[in-house]
Protein backbone atom coordinates (compact mmCIF):
# COMPACT_ATOMS: atom_id res chain seq x y z
CA MET A 1 -20.51 124.73 -110.69
CA TYR A 2 -20.58 125.56 -114.44
CA PHE A 3 -19.23 122.10 -115.18
CA THR A 4 -22.28 120.49 -113.50
CA GLU A 5 -24.66 122.89 -115.26
CA PHE A 6 -23.04 122.07 -118.60
CA LYS A 7 -23.29 118.30 -118.00
CA ASN A 8 -26.94 118.53 -116.85
CA CYS A 9 -28.08 121.06 -119.47
CA ILE A 10 -31.30 120.05 -121.26
CA ARG A 11 -33.47 121.84 -123.78
CA ASN A 12 -36.35 123.58 -122.03
CA SER A 13 -39.91 123.17 -123.22
CA GLY A 14 -40.67 125.83 -125.82
CA GLU A 15 -36.99 126.78 -126.20
CA SER A 16 -35.76 127.00 -129.78
CA ILE A 17 -33.00 124.65 -130.81
CA ARG A 18 -30.67 127.59 -131.61
CA ASP A 19 -31.28 129.17 -128.19
CA TYR A 20 -30.57 125.86 -126.51
CA ALA A 21 -27.30 125.48 -128.48
CA CYS A 22 -26.21 129.05 -127.58
CA ARG A 23 -26.97 128.45 -123.91
CA LEU A 24 -24.99 125.21 -124.02
CA GLN A 25 -22.00 126.94 -125.69
CA LYS A 26 -22.07 129.67 -123.07
CA LEU A 27 -22.11 127.11 -120.23
CA TYR A 28 -19.18 125.29 -121.90
CA SER A 29 -17.15 128.48 -122.10
CA PHE A 30 -17.70 129.03 -118.36
CA ALA A 31 -17.03 125.38 -117.49
CA TYR A 32 -13.86 125.19 -119.64
CA PRO A 33 -12.47 128.71 -119.90
CA THR A 34 -9.51 129.48 -122.21
CA GLU A 35 -6.88 132.11 -121.67
CA VAL A 36 -7.32 135.21 -123.78
CA GLY A 37 -4.62 135.60 -126.40
CA LYS A 38 -3.25 132.10 -125.95
CA PRO A 39 -3.40 129.96 -129.14
CA VAL A 40 -5.71 126.93 -128.94
CA ASP A 41 -4.52 123.59 -130.31
CA GLN A 42 -6.59 121.90 -133.09
CA ALA A 43 -7.01 118.78 -130.95
CA VAL A 44 -8.51 120.93 -128.19
CA LEU A 45 -10.90 122.56 -130.69
CA ARG A 46 -12.02 119.13 -131.97
CA LEU A 47 -12.48 117.95 -128.36
CA ARG A 48 -14.51 121.11 -127.62
CA GLU A 49 -16.70 120.49 -130.70
CA THR A 50 -17.20 116.83 -129.75
CA MET A 51 -18.12 117.68 -126.15
CA LEU A 52 -20.58 120.35 -127.32
CA MET A 53 -22.18 117.96 -129.82
CA ASP A 54 -22.47 115.21 -127.19
CA GLY A 55 -23.90 117.67 -124.65
CA PHE A 56 -26.29 119.04 -127.27
CA LEU A 57 -27.62 115.57 -128.15
CA GLY A 58 -27.82 114.59 -124.48
CA GLY A 59 -30.12 117.51 -123.68
CA LEU A 60 -32.66 116.78 -126.43
CA LYS A 61 -35.90 114.93 -125.83
CA PRO A 62 -35.56 111.17 -126.43
CA ASN A 63 -37.56 111.02 -129.66
CA LEU A 64 -35.44 113.75 -131.25
CA ARG A 65 -32.17 112.46 -129.78
CA GLU A 66 -32.78 108.97 -131.22
CA ARG A 67 -33.29 110.35 -134.71
CA MET A 68 -30.25 112.62 -134.56
CA GLY A 69 -27.88 110.06 -133.02
CA PHE A 70 -27.75 107.81 -136.10
CA LYS A 71 -25.61 110.11 -138.22
CA ASP A 72 -22.18 111.64 -137.62
CA TYR A 73 -22.03 115.39 -138.16
CA LYS A 74 -18.92 117.44 -139.02
CA ASN A 75 -19.55 120.15 -136.47
CA LEU A 76 -22.08 121.57 -134.03
CA ASN A 77 -23.53 123.95 -136.61
CA ASP A 78 -24.38 121.06 -138.99
CA LEU A 79 -25.93 119.15 -136.08
CA ILE A 80 -28.03 122.19 -135.11
CA LYS A 81 -29.34 122.65 -138.68
CA ALA A 82 -30.20 118.96 -139.03
CA THR A 83 -31.89 118.96 -135.61
CA GLU A 84 -34.01 122.00 -136.56
CA LYS A 85 -35.17 120.23 -139.73
CA CYS A 86 -35.94 117.02 -137.86
CA ALA A 87 -37.80 118.90 -135.11
CA ALA A 88 -39.87 120.70 -137.76
CA VAL A 89 -40.79 117.36 -139.38
CA LEU A 90 -41.70 115.84 -136.00
CA SER A 91 -43.76 118.90 -135.10
CA GLU A 92 -45.59 118.72 -138.43
CA ALA A 93 -46.25 115.01 -137.92
CA LYS A 94 -47.56 115.71 -134.42
CA LEU A 95 -49.90 118.42 -135.73
CA GLU A 96 -51.13 116.10 -138.47
CA LYS A 97 -51.74 113.35 -135.92
CA GLN A 98 -53.67 115.78 -133.69
CA SER A 99 -55.69 116.88 -136.71
CA VAL A 100 -56.54 113.27 -137.57
CA GLU A 101 -57.45 112.58 -133.93
CA PHE A 102 -59.66 115.67 -133.90
CA VAL A 103 -61.42 114.62 -137.11
CA ASN A 104 -61.86 111.10 -135.74
CA ALA A 105 -63.26 112.50 -132.49
CA ILE A 106 -65.78 114.61 -134.40
CA SER A 107 -66.64 111.67 -136.64
CA ALA A 108 -67.06 109.38 -133.64
CA ASN A 109 -69.26 112.01 -131.98
CA ALA A 110 -71.40 112.23 -135.13
CA ASN A 111 -71.59 108.43 -135.29
CA THR A 112 -72.60 108.30 -131.64
CA ARG A 113 -75.36 110.81 -132.33
CA GLU A 114 -76.55 108.80 -135.36
CA ILE A 115 -76.50 105.58 -133.32
CA ARG A 116 -78.47 107.27 -130.53
CA GLU A 117 -81.02 108.60 -133.04
CA THR A 118 -81.31 105.17 -134.66
CA LYS A 119 -81.77 103.53 -131.25
CA ASN A 120 -84.45 106.10 -130.34
CA GLY A 121 -86.15 105.43 -133.69
CA ILE A 122 -86.14 101.69 -133.06
CA GLU A 123 -87.54 102.19 -129.55
CA LEU A 124 -90.23 104.49 -130.96
CA LYS A 125 -91.17 101.90 -133.60
CA SER A 126 -91.42 99.26 -130.87
CA VAL A 127 -93.74 101.47 -128.81
CA ILE A 128 -95.87 102.19 -131.92
CA GLU A 129 -96.10 98.45 -132.68
CA GLN A 130 -97.18 97.72 -129.10
CA LEU A 131 -99.82 100.45 -129.20
CA THR A 132 -101.04 99.24 -132.61
CA GLN A 133 -101.32 95.69 -131.23
CA GLN A 134 -103.27 96.94 -128.21
CA LEU A 135 -105.56 98.98 -130.47
CA SER A 136 -106.15 95.97 -132.74
CA THR A 137 -106.99 93.79 -129.73
CA THR A 138 -109.39 96.44 -128.42
CA MET A 139 -111.04 96.82 -131.83
CA ILE A 140 -111.47 93.04 -132.16
CA ALA A 141 -113.01 92.91 -128.69
CA ASP A 142 -115.33 95.81 -129.57
CA GLN A 143 -116.34 94.08 -132.80
CA GLY A 144 -117.03 90.92 -130.80
CA HIS A 145 -119.23 92.90 -128.41
CA GLU A 146 -121.03 94.49 -131.35
CA ALA A 147 -121.61 91.07 -132.90
CA VAL A 148 -122.98 89.75 -129.60
CA ASN A 149 -125.17 92.84 -129.27
CA ALA A 150 -126.39 92.43 -132.85
CA VAL A 151 -127.26 88.75 -132.27
CA ALA A 152 -128.95 89.62 -128.98
CA THR A 153 -130.92 92.42 -130.62
CA THR A 154 -132.00 90.10 -133.44
CA GLN A 155 -133.02 87.41 -130.98
CA THR A 156 -134.88 89.95 -128.86
CA ALA A 157 -136.76 91.14 -131.94
CA GLN A 158 -137.58 87.55 -132.88
CA LEU A 159 -138.73 86.85 -129.33
CA SER A 160 -140.92 89.93 -129.37
CA GLU A 161 -142.46 88.83 -132.64
CA SER A 162 -142.98 85.33 -131.33
CA LYS A 163 -144.53 86.76 -128.18
CA LYS A 164 -146.95 88.86 -130.25
CA GLU A 165 -147.92 85.84 -132.32
CA ILE A 166 -148.49 83.83 -129.16
CA GLU A 167 -150.66 86.66 -127.75
CA GLU A 168 -152.66 86.78 -130.96
CA LEU A 169 -153.12 83.03 -130.89
CA LYS A 170 -154.24 83.23 -127.26
CA ASN A 171 -156.71 85.93 -128.11
CA LEU A 172 -158.02 83.90 -131.03
CA LEU A 173 -158.27 80.83 -128.83
CA LYS A 174 -160.14 82.79 -126.16
CA ALA A 175 -162.44 84.24 -128.75
CA SER A 176 -163.14 80.84 -130.22
CA ASN A 177 -163.79 79.40 -126.74
CA LYS A 178 -166.34 82.13 -126.03
CA SER A 179 -168.23 81.50 -129.14
């Protein structure tokens, strides 16, 4: 039972690297118990250290395991220290990436707002141009009507004058016919 737990032991999310290593060592001691008071051979100690280091690396997340697997470490303690440093660097890089993504998201949001405002401004200018064109057309038509009215008024005045002259001539002609 402990043997299977030791072989399948992985670092839990949020668990510190030291806590994971201690838990792994405890599972190893249950999986491979030694007799109290009996001397342990150096070869057995090296085998124990190698098995713990292999188990430790096997339970790390892939990105951390890949970085730690390139170098040979003297013992588990050196591997733990190096893993803590590497995890800190990866965590810092992840935070920096999130920060950059956040800034980019804000920047993109601001750009989207500026683009929307620019688009609204362009649409507004288009509407203003259309209204100005309609107003110009209406004003030209009104000026045309005024010109026609002015010509008509002038012609009406001329006709009235001509009509008066004709009436005067008629009256003169009638007066001369009576005499």
